[in-house]
Amino acid sequence: MPLKKGQLVDVHIEDVAFKGKGVAKVDDLVIFVPRAIPGDVCQIRIVKKKSSYAEGKILSLLSPSKDRIEVTCSHAHECGGCTWQHVQMDAQRNAKTKIVRDSIQRTAGLDPSIVQPIIGGDDHLGYRNKMEYSFGDRRWLSDEEIASGKPLESHGVFAGLHAPGRFDRILNLQECHLQSNPSWKIVDAVRSWCQSHDIPAWSPVKQRGWMKHCLIRKGETTDQWLVNLVTASEDTSMMEPLKEHLLTTFPDITTFIWTINDSTGPTKLHHKEIVLHGPGYIEENLGDVCFRIRPMTFFQTNSRQARVLYDVAKAYVEQSRSQLGDESINTLLDLYCGIGSISQYMHHLAKKCVGIELNEQSVQEAIENAKRNQISNVSYVTGDALEWTKRDDWQATVGTPNVIITDPPRAGMHPDLVTFLKERPSPVMVYISCDPMTLARDLSQLKETYEIRSIQPVDMFPQTYHIENVCLLHRKTS
């Protein structure tokens, strides 16, 4: 009998799919089960039924996988921040390597053996250098809380992460292990202050309230801390005593910034920033290069593994010198360059590095970073990477790069940019990707012009299904 929505069924989890969902089969129908892992036997409820697949929710674990472990955080089973905290670390990494190999084989039609085993780090928790917590007036209630029948506080001032799939409900965290201390204690102190001083949290439903977000950044190599509180309006009478309380309680805070965001939506574009303490930025070192990081600066979230990631990219370029025909790299083109971290980290490999970035503030930060680091062979231009390929001054600005580094957002590269890179290929390309599916999609086109030599996954995000990859491409000689 065909499965129906709402039906209960016992399943054996055989595999893991992208985004970390367990995979089971019933009568050849694939069922995706969040938070299930290979080896689990569980009873599930079918919550979605399509012609080619179904989705289920675990009701009870009949027999746990040998790779299941006890979680560290009490919120791990309902929070979206650590979806794999219940999975043994070696199993996490094996699964990630397999996910990349499956994507490369199925979508790009490539030999999966070019995907190397993932490189893991030593820090499984507390590795994030950036966390953004949300405030809200409505709390997420778990199924267990609702079933208990007890009176529950669901309105007030709550802080944590948005409940998965809900813009209006906050998972009111009592602990978080993604960032090292005193990160979580700072958030808890802000929440307690608001509660005791009748400062309302922002309500996206009622479109009123004051406290919106608390963003915390840490310089892992400098031990500098940046705290950025985001509110709906500029009210010094509320912010000034809160600032003094936080700076007194947490002397590790080196920079305190107040952002006023009067937008009614989730956007952070309409804002005013006021530096209340410190220089307005923290610093982070990658090797011998130092970067200044402000609240909205894009920087790899795991500083220690970022250096591993960049070292892989650097090694790929260095081992490709024979592909270039001589020992020199005349021009290295850094697409989606952000604040210039990649090009400045490997600037010594090339005579000239050119970075292209859409965000104007990031370009300015890249220029300032280069000056501070006394790097004179890099330059940066503002604009969309695809639009730059259509400009008359492309050749004058970029020249003819013999190495291209591209690090696009999760959506991958625009198809027209992929076409441009196919039609005007450089001898060497290094593609850094945070999404195996879009990487595989782009490689399925680039393989017509380039030989895909190697793909190295790097575990930037332990306890989650996210995977960073570095891919080496050489232009075909024929």
Protein backbone atom coordinates (compact mmCIF):
# COMPACT_ATOMS: atom_id res chain seq x y z
CA MET A 1 0.00 0.00 0.00
CA PRO A 2 1.43 3.44 -0.95
CA LEU A 3 2.57 5.64 1.90
CA LYS A 4 0.36 8.54 2.87
CA LYS A 5 0.97 11.77 4.70
CA GLY A 6 0.53 11.27 8.44
CA GLN A 7 1.27 7.54 8.29
CA LEU A 8 3.60 5.96 10.88
CA VAL A 9 6.31 3.64 9.57
CA ASP A 10 9.45 1.95 10.90
CA VAL A 11 12.52 2.59 8.73
CA HIS A 12 16.22 1.77 8.60
CA ILE A 13 18.42 4.74 7.70
CA GLU A 14 20.79 3.62 4.95
CA ASP A 15 22.54 6.79 3.81
CA VAL A 16 22.89 10.54 4.28
CA ALA A 17 21.92 13.22 1.78
CA PHE A 18 22.99 16.83 1.34
CA LYS A 19 21.79 19.09 4.14
CA GLY A 20 22.37 16.21 6.53
CA LYS A 21 19.11 14.33 6.16
CA GLY A 22 19.06 10.59 6.72
CA VAL A 23 17.88 8.48 3.79
CA ALA A 24 15.58 5.45 4.05
CA LYS A 25 13.64 3.48 1.46
CA VAL A 26 10.19 1.91 1.66
CA ASP A 27 9.06 0.03 -1.46
CA ASP A 28 11.76 1.87 -3.46
CA LEU A 29 10.40 5.25 -2.33
CA VAL A 30 13.16 7.48 -0.94
CA ILE A 31 12.34 9.06 2.43
CA PHE A 32 14.41 11.92 3.83
CA VAL A 33 14.51 12.11 7.63
CA PRO A 34 16.11 15.12 9.38
CA ARG A 35 18.40 14.30 12.35
CA ALA A 36 18.51 10.63 11.40
CA ILE A 37 21.89 9.06 10.61
CA PRO A 38 22.97 5.87 8.82
CA GLY A 39 22.45 2.86 11.06
CA ASP A 40 19.44 4.27 12.90
CA VAL A 41 16.24 2.26 13.07
CA CYS A 42 13.40 4.59 13.93
CA GLN A 43 9.69 5.10 13.81
CA ILE A 44 8.76 8.13 11.73
CA ARG A 45 5.67 10.04 10.71
CA ILE A 46 5.36 10.93 7.02
CA VAL A 47 5.06 14.72 6.95
CA LYS A 48 5.36 15.24 3.19
CA LYS A 49 4.55 12.89 0.31
CA LYS A 50 5.50 13.50 -3.31
CA SER A 51 5.47 11.16 -6.28
CA SER A 52 9.26 10.61 -6.19
CA TYR A 53 10.10 11.03 -2.50
CA ALA A 54 8.72 11.59 0.98
CA GLU A 55 9.88 13.32 4.15
CA GLY A 56 9.52 11.99 7.66
CA LYS A 57 9.91 13.10 11.26
CA ILE A 58 11.43 10.87 13.93
CA LEU A 59 8.92 9.88 16.60
CA SER A 60 11.07 7.32 18.41
CA LEU A 61 14.52 5.81 18.03
CA LEU A 62 14.07 2.06 18.01
CA SER A 63 17.75 1.20 17.61
CA PRO A 64 20.42 3.92 17.50
CA SER A 65 23.30 3.95 15.06
CA LYS A 66 26.75 3.08 16.44
CA ASP A 67 27.78 6.59 15.34
CA ARG A 68 25.30 8.33 17.66
CA ILE A 69 26.80 10.12 20.67
CA GLU A 70 25.53 12.19 23.58
CA VAL A 71 25.13 15.87 22.72
CA THR A 72 26.88 18.67 24.59
CA CYS A 73 24.10 21.26 24.34
CA SER A 74 20.60 20.88 25.76
CA HIS A 75 19.17 22.60 22.66
CA ALA A 76 20.91 20.39 20.10
CA HIS A 77 17.78 18.40 19.17
CA GLU A 78 15.66 21.44 18.27
CA CYS A 79 18.15 24.20 17.35
CA GLY A 80 19.30 24.69 13.77
CA GLY A 81 22.81 25.74 14.77
CA CYS A 82 24.28 22.27 15.47
CA THR A 83 22.25 19.81 13.42
CA TRP A 84 24.92 17.08 13.63
CA GLN A 85 26.01 17.39 17.25
CA HIS A 86 24.64 13.89 17.89
CA VAL A 87 26.97 12.36 15.26
CA GLN A 88 30.45 11.04 16.07
CA MET A 89 33.12 13.29 14.49
CA ASP A 90 34.72 10.69 12.20
CA ALA A 91 31.26 9.78 10.93
CA GLN A 92 30.52 13.45 10.26
CA ARG A 93 33.67 13.82 8.18
CA ASN A 94 33.18 10.57 6.29
CA ALA A 95 29.63 11.65 5.47
CA LYS A 96 30.81 15.03 4.20
CA THR A 97 33.43 13.46 1.95
CA LYS A 98 30.78 11.11 0.59
CA ILE A 99 28.31 13.96 -0.01
CA VAL A 100 30.90 15.82 -2.10
CA ARG A 101 31.83 12.70 -4.06
CA ASP A 102 28.17 11.90 -4.75
CA SER A 103 27.50 15.46 -5.96
CA ILE A 104 30.56 15.47 -8.19
CA GLN A 105 29.68 12.12 -9.73
CA ARG A 106 25.94 12.64 -10.20
CA THR A 107 25.79 16.30 -11.21
CA ALA A 108 29.18 16.93 -12.83
CA GLY A 109 29.73 13.45 -14.24
CA LEU A 110 33.26 13.36 -12.82
CA ASP A 111 35.28 10.56 -11.28
CA PRO A 112 34.57 10.81 -7.51
CA SER A 113 38.12 9.68 -6.72
CA ILE A 114 39.37 13.23 -7.43
CA VAL A 115 37.68 14.24 -4.15
CA GLN A 116 40.22 13.90 -1.34
CA PRO A 117 39.26 12.94 2.24
CA ILE A 118 38.08 16.01 4.14
CA ILE A 119 40.60 17.92 6.28
CA GLY A 120 39.26 18.32 9.81
CA GLY A 121 40.34 20.64 12.59
CA ASP A 122 40.93 20.18 16.30
CA ASP A 123 38.07 22.42 17.47
CA HIS A 124 34.69 20.70 17.26
CA LEU A 125 32.88 23.37 19.29
CA GLY A 126 33.68 26.99 20.10
CA TYR A 127 35.22 27.46 16.66
CA ARG A 128 33.05 30.28 15.28
CA ASN A 129 34.54 33.77 15.25
CA LYS A 130 31.12 35.28 14.55
CA MET A 131 27.67 34.69 16.04
CA GLU A 132 24.52 36.71 15.54
CA TYR A 133 21.74 36.22 18.06
CA SER A 134 18.20 37.48 17.57
CA PHE A 135 15.82 39.00 20.08
CA GLY A 136 12.07 38.61 19.93
CA ASP A 137 8.88 38.82 21.97
CA ARG A 138 7.57 35.33 21.14
CA ARG A 139 9.24 32.10 22.22
CA TRP A 140 9.29 28.82 20.37
CA LEU A 141 7.54 26.07 22.34
CA SER A 142 8.73 22.51 21.83
CA ASP A 143 6.32 19.62 21.26
CA GLU A 144 7.19 18.32 24.73
CA GLU A 145 6.37 21.66 26.38
CA ILE A 146 3.04 21.89 24.60
CA ALA A 147 2.16 18.29 25.49
CA SER A 148 3.00 18.85 29.16
CA GLY A 149 -0.10 20.98 29.72
CA LYS A 150 1.84 23.26 32.06
CA PRO A 151 1.39 27.05 31.92
CA LEU A 152 4.21 28.38 29.73
CA GLU A 153 5.67 31.81 29.26
CA SER A 154 5.51 32.47 25.53
CA HIS A 155 5.61 36.29 25.40
CA GLY A 156 8.34 38.53 26.77
CA VAL A 157 12.01 39.17 25.95
CA PHE A 158 13.74 36.15 24.44
CA ALA A 159 17.19 35.74 22.89
CA GLY A 160 18.79 33.04 20.79
CA LEU A 161 18.25 31.82 17.25
CA HIS A 162 15.10 31.81 15.15
CA ALA A 163 13.30 28.51 15.34
CA PRO A 164 13.86 26.64 12.04
CA GLY A 165 11.43 27.98 9.47
CA ARG A 166 9.93 30.64 11.76
CA PHE A 167 10.66 34.36 11.45
CA ASP A 168 8.43 35.22 14.41
CA ARG A 169 9.56 32.72 17.06
CA ILE A 170 12.81 32.70 19.02
CA LEU A 171 14.40 29.53 20.35
CA ASN A 172 15.22 30.98 23.76
CA LEU A 173 18.70 29.57 24.32
CA GLN A 174 20.10 28.88 27.77
CA GLU A 175 23.49 27.88 26.39
CA CYS A 176 25.41 27.89 23.10
CA HIS A 177 28.76 26.25 22.39
CA LEU A 178 29.43 27.44 18.85
CA GLN A 179 31.54 30.38 20.02
CA SER A 180 33.92 30.44 22.97
CA ASN A 181 33.21 32.31 26.21
CA PRO A 182 32.26 34.96 27.11
CA SER A 183 30.10 35.06 23.96
CA TRP A 184 27.00 33.35 25.33
CA LYS A 185 27.29 35.08 28.69
CA ILE A 186 27.18 38.46 26.93
CA VAL A 187 23.92 37.58 25.16
CA ASP A 188 22.43 36.31 28.39
CA ALA A 189 23.43 39.54 30.14
CA VAL A 190 21.73 41.65 27.46
CA ARG A 191 18.55 39.57 27.74
CA SER A 192 18.52 39.80 31.55
CA TRP A 193 19.09 43.56 31.41
CA CYS A 194 16.19 44.03 29.00
CA GLN A 195 13.91 41.89 31.15
CA SER A 196 14.76 43.68 34.40
CA HIS A 197 14.56 47.18 32.86
CA ASP A 198 11.37 46.66 30.82
CA ILE A 199 13.15 47.09 27.50
CA PRO A 200 10.96 45.40 24.87
CA ALA A 201 12.30 43.04 22.23
CA TRP A 202 11.44 43.71 18.60
CA SER A 203 8.27 42.03 17.35
CA PRO A 204 8.26 41.35 13.57
CA VAL A 205 4.51 40.67 13.79
CA LYS A 206 3.49 43.81 15.69
CA GLN A 207 6.29 45.88 14.14
CA ARG A 208 7.30 47.40 17.44
CA GLY A 209 9.85 46.92 20.20
CA TRP A 210 13.49 47.96 20.59
CA MET A 211 16.18 45.25 20.93
CA LYS A 212 16.75 43.37 17.67
CA HIS A 213 20.11 41.61 17.49
CA CYS A 214 23.38 40.99 19.28
CA LEU A 215 26.32 40.31 16.98
CA ILE A 216 29.57 39.08 18.53
CA ARG A 217 32.89 38.70 16.71
CA LYS A 218 36.21 37.43 18.04
CA GLY A 219 39.73 37.75 16.72
CA GLU A 220 41.02 34.24 17.38
CA THR A 221 44.68 35.21 17.02
CA THR A 222 44.35 38.55 18.83
CA ASP A 223 41.72 37.68 21.48
CA GLN A 224 39.85 40.88 20.63
CA TRP A 225 36.05 40.95 21.03
CA LEU A 226 33.52 43.06 19.14
CA VAL A 227 29.96 43.43 20.39
CA ASN A 228 27.36 45.06 18.14
CA LEU A 229 23.86 45.65 19.54
CA VAL A 230 21.18 46.40 16.94
CA THR A 231 18.07 48.33 18.00
CA ALA A 232 15.03 49.69 16.22
CA SER A 233 15.58 53.31 17.25
CA GLU A 234 18.17 55.64 18.75
CA ASP A 235 17.45 55.97 22.47
CA THR A 236 20.54 56.88 24.49
CA SER A 237 18.68 56.64 27.81
CA MET A 238 18.32 52.87 27.26
CA MET A 239 21.64 52.15 25.57
CA GLU A 240 24.07 54.13 27.74
CA PRO A 241 23.47 52.24 31.05
CA LEU A 242 23.37 48.91 29.18
CA LYS A 243 26.71 49.70 27.55
CA GLU A 244 28.29 50.57 30.91
CA HIS A 245 26.92 47.37 32.44
CA LEU A 246 28.39 45.20 29.66
CA LEU A 247 31.79 46.90 29.59
CA THR A 248 32.08 46.59 33.38
CA THR A 249 30.94 42.96 33.45
CA PHE A 250 32.94 41.85 30.41
CA PRO A 251 36.31 43.66 30.25
CA ASP A 252 37.32 41.42 27.31
CA ILE A 253 35.12 43.57 25.02
CA THR A 254 37.53 45.69 23.00
CA THR A 255 34.98 47.31 20.68
CA PHE A 256 31.32 48.11 21.35
CA ILE A 257 29.12 49.32 18.47
CA TRP A 258 25.50 50.42 18.44
CA THR A 259 23.58 49.99 15.19
CA ILE A 260 20.21 51.65 14.70
CA ASN A 261 18.15 49.72 12.17
CA ASP A 262 14.72 51.31 11.69
CA SER A 263 13.72 48.93 8.90
CA THR A 264 10.58 46.88 9.57
CA GLY A 265 12.02 43.92 7.67
CA PRO A 266 15.06 41.71 8.31
CA THR A 267 17.38 43.85 6.16
CA LYS A 268 20.39 45.55 7.74
CA LEU A 269 20.86 48.05 4.91
CA HIS A 270 19.05 50.93 6.60
CA HIS A 271 21.20 51.61 9.60
CA LYS A 272 23.37 54.03 11.49
CA GLU A 273 26.47 52.81 13.30
CA ILE A 274 27.80 54.48 16.45
CA VAL A 275 31.09 53.33 17.95
CA LEU A 276 30.61 53.61 21.72
CA HIS A 277 33.87 51.97 22.81
CA GLY A 278 37.15 50.99 21.14
CA PRO A 279 38.29 51.50 17.53
CA GLY A 280 35.17 50.10 15.84
CA TYR A 281 36.86 46.93 14.59
CA ILE A 282 38.84 43.90 15.69
CA GLU A 283 41.89 42.41 14.01
CA GLU A 284 42.58 38.88 12.83
CA ASN A 285 45.82 37.40 11.51
CA LEU A 286 46.17 34.86 8.74
CA GLY A 287 49.83 33.99 8.65
CA ASP A 288 51.73 37.26 8.39
CA VAL A 289 48.73 39.21 7.05
CA CYS A 290 46.48 41.18 9.42
CA PHE A 291 42.86 42.08 8.61
CA ARG A 292 40.55 44.57 10.27
CA ILE A 293 37.04 43.22 10.77
CA ARG A 294 33.96 45.37 11.37
CA PRO A 295 30.39 44.21 12.14
CA MET A 296 29.36 43.55 8.55
CA THR A 297 32.76 42.50 7.14
CA PHE A 298 32.72 39.13 5.38
CA PHE A 299 35.42 36.89 6.80
CA GLN A 300 35.61 33.11 6.99
CA THR A 301 33.72 32.07 10.13
CA ASN A 302 36.31 29.56 11.34
CA SER A 303 39.65 31.40 11.55
CA ARG A 304 41.85 28.35 12.18
CA GLN A 305 40.37 26.35 9.34
CA ALA A 306 40.39 29.43 7.09
CA ARG A 307 44.16 29.26 7.09
CA VAL A 308 43.95 25.55 6.20
CA LEU A 309 41.57 26.42 3.36
CA TYR A 310 43.85 29.13 2.01
CA ASP A 311 46.92 26.93 2.38
CA VAL A 312 45.24 24.33 0.16
CA ALA A 313 44.44 27.01 -2.45
CA LYS A 314 48.01 28.32 -2.22
CA ALA A 315 49.47 24.81 -2.61
CA TYR A 316 47.28 24.20 -5.67
CA VAL A 317 48.66 27.35 -7.29
CA GLU A 318 52.26 26.50 -6.40
CA GLN A 319 52.04 22.96 -7.75
CA SER A 320 50.56 24.26 -11.01
CA ARG A 321 53.64 26.22 -12.13
CA SER A 322 54.41 23.68 -14.85
CA GLN A 323 50.97 24.39 -16.30
CA LEU A 324 51.92 28.06 -16.66
CA GLY A 325 54.92 27.42 -18.92
CA ASP A 326 57.36 29.30 -16.74
CA GLU A 327 58.03 30.02 -13.09
CA SER A 328 56.12 33.31 -12.83
CA ILE A 329 52.48 34.24 -12.36
CA ASN A 330 51.99 37.51 -14.14
CA THR A 331 48.42 38.20 -12.99
CA LEU A 332 46.30 36.51 -10.34
CA LEU A 333 42.61 37.42 -10.62
CA ASP A 334 40.61 37.17 -7.38
CA LEU A 335 36.87 37.00 -8.16
CA TYR A 336 34.41 37.70 -5.33
CA CYS A 337 37.42 38.91 -3.37
CA GLY A 338 35.64 40.38 -0.31
CA ILE A 339 38.18 42.20 1.87
CA GLY A 340 41.07 40.76 -0.13
CA SER A 341 41.94 37.95 2.27
CA ILE A 342 42.84 35.36 -0.40
CA SER A 343 44.83 37.59 -2.74
CA GLN A 344 46.74 39.20 0.12
CA TYR A 345 47.46 35.82 1.72
CA MET A 346 49.13 34.60 -1.50
CA HIS A 347 50.20 37.93 -3.03
CA HIS A 348 53.87 36.89 -3.07
CA LEU A 349 53.11 34.20 -5.66
CA ALA A 350 52.22 36.71 -8.40
CA LYS A 351 53.65 39.83 -9.98
CA LYS A 352 50.18 41.41 -9.81
CA CYS A 353 46.89 40.53 -8.08
CA VAL A 354 43.55 42.09 -9.07
CA GLY A 355 40.41 41.61 -6.98
CA ILE A 356 36.80 42.19 -8.05
CA GLU A 357 34.05 42.59 -5.45
CA LEU A 358 30.47 43.87 -5.61
CA ASN A 359 30.35 45.29 -2.07
CA GLU A 360 31.90 48.75 -2.10
CA GLN A 361 32.67 48.75 1.63
CA SER A 362 34.53 45.45 1.30
CA VAL A 363 36.62 46.87 -1.54
CA GLN A 364 37.56 49.86 0.60
CA GLU A 365 38.51 47.53 3.44
CA ALA A 366 40.61 45.44 1.03
CA ILE A 367 42.50 48.55 -0.09
CA GLU A 368 43.06 49.65 3.52
CA ASN A 369 44.21 46.16 4.54
CA ALA A 370 46.74 46.10 1.70
CA LYS A 371 48.16 49.45 2.79
CA ARG A 372 48.48 48.39 6.41
CA ASN A 373 50.15 45.14 5.40
CA GLN A 374 52.46 47.02 3.03
CA ILE A 375 51.38 44.88 0.07
CA SER A 376 51.93 46.90 -3.07
CA ASN A 377 51.16 44.43 -5.88
CA VAL A 378 47.40 44.14 -5.26
CA SER A 379 44.57 46.31 -6.54
CA TYR A 380 40.80 46.12 -6.14
CA VAL A 381 37.82 47.28 -8.17
CA THR A 382 34.14 47.52 -7.27
CA GLY A 383 31.56 45.76 -9.39
CA ASP A 384 29.80 42.55 -10.30
CA ALA A 385 32.20 39.93 -11.64
CA LEU A 386 29.96 39.17 -14.62
CA GLU A 387 29.44 42.84 -15.51
CA TRP A 388 33.18 43.43 -15.44
CA THR A 389 33.66 40.82 -18.17
CA LYS A 390 31.46 42.96 -20.46
CA ARG A 391 33.29 46.23 -19.90
CA ASP A 392 35.53 47.82 -22.49
CA ASP A 393 38.25 48.43 -19.90
CA TRP A 394 38.40 44.78 -18.77
CA GLN A 395 41.70 44.18 -20.55
CA ALA A 396 43.26 47.40 -19.25
CA THR A 397 42.16 46.67 -15.67
CA VAL A 398 42.62 42.93 -15.42
CA GLY A 399 44.92 42.05 -18.29
CA THR A 400 45.24 38.37 -19.14
CA PRO A 401 45.27 36.46 -15.84
CA ASN A 402 47.13 33.18 -15.83
CA VAL A 403 45.68 32.22 -12.44
CA ILE A 404 42.05 32.78 -11.39
CA ILE A 405 40.78 32.33 -7.84
CA THR A 406 36.99 32.34 -7.60
CA ASP A 407 35.11 32.17 -4.30
CA PRO A 408 31.44 32.81 -5.14
CA PRO A 409 28.52 32.84 -2.68
CA ARG A 410 26.47 29.72 -1.99
CA ALA A 411 24.52 30.12 -5.24
CA GLY A 412 27.70 29.61 -7.26
CA MET A 413 28.70 31.55 -10.36
CA HIS A 414 26.29 33.09 -12.85
CA PRO A 415 25.96 30.84 -15.96
CA ASP A 416 27.18 33.68 -18.20
CA LEU A 417 30.31 34.08 -16.07
CA VAL A 418 30.94 30.33 -16.34
CA THR A 419 30.60 30.68 -20.12
CA PHE A 420 33.08 33.58 -20.14
CA LEU A 421 35.61 31.55 -18.15
CA LYS A 422 35.17 28.67 -20.58
CA GLU A 423 35.65 30.85 -23.66
CA ARG A 424 38.62 32.77 -22.24
CA PRO A 425 40.23 30.17 -20.00
CA SER A 426 43.26 30.83 -17.85
CA PRO A 427 45.90 28.11 -17.47
CA VAL A 428 45.00 27.62 -13.80
CA MET A 429 41.80 28.16 -11.83
CA VAL A 430 41.15 27.50 -8.16
CA TYR A 431 37.44 27.36 -7.32
CA ILE A 432 36.54 27.73 -3.62
CA SER A 433 32.95 26.72 -2.88
CA CYS A 434 30.72 26.45 0.19
CA ASP A 435 28.06 24.37 -1.60
CA PRO A 436 28.86 20.98 -3.22
CA MET A 437 25.74 21.11 -5.39
CA THR A 438 26.43 24.46 -7.05
CA LEU A 439 30.12 23.57 -7.36
CA ALA A 440 29.18 20.37 -9.19
CA ARG A 441 26.75 22.29 -11.40
CA ASP A 442 29.45 24.78 -12.45
CA LEU A 443 32.08 22.07 -12.93
CA SER A 444 29.72 20.21 -15.26
CA GLN A 445 30.17 23.17 -17.64
CA LEU A 446 33.77 24.08 -16.91
CA LYS A 447 34.97 20.51 -17.54
CA GLU A 448 34.52 21.13 -21.28
CA THR A 449 37.51 23.50 -21.18
CA TYR A 450 39.28 22.56 -17.96
CA GLU A 451 40.62 19.34 -16.53
CA ILE A 452 39.32 19.00 -12.98
CA ARG A 453 42.47 17.82 -11.20
CA SER A 454 41.54 17.63 -7.52
CA ILE A 455 38.88 18.63 -5.00
CA GLN A 456 39.80 19.08 -1.35
CA PRO A 457 36.96 19.39 1.18
CA VAL A 458 37.79 21.31 4.37
CA ASP A 459 35.67 20.94 7.50
CA MET A 460 35.00 24.58 8.36
CA PHE A 461 31.74 23.87 10.21
CA PRO A 462 31.86 20.85 12.56
CA GLN A 463 28.51 19.72 13.99
CA THR A 464 26.76 20.87 10.78
CA TYR A 465 26.31 19.52 7.26
CA HIS A 466 28.04 22.53 5.65
CA ILE A 467 31.14 21.77 3.58
CA GLU A 468 33.82 24.02 2.08
CA ASN A 469 35.74 22.78 -0.97
CA VAL A 470 38.84 23.85 -2.87
CA CYS A 471 38.97 22.68 -6.48
CA LEU A 472 41.96 22.79 -8.85
CA LEU A 473 41.32 23.20 -12.58
CA HIS A 474 43.88 23.16 -15.40
CA ARG A 475 43.14 24.38 -18.91
CA LYS A 476 43.05 21.50 -21.38
CA THR A 477 45.89 21.61 -23.88
CA SER A 478 43.95 20.24 -26.85
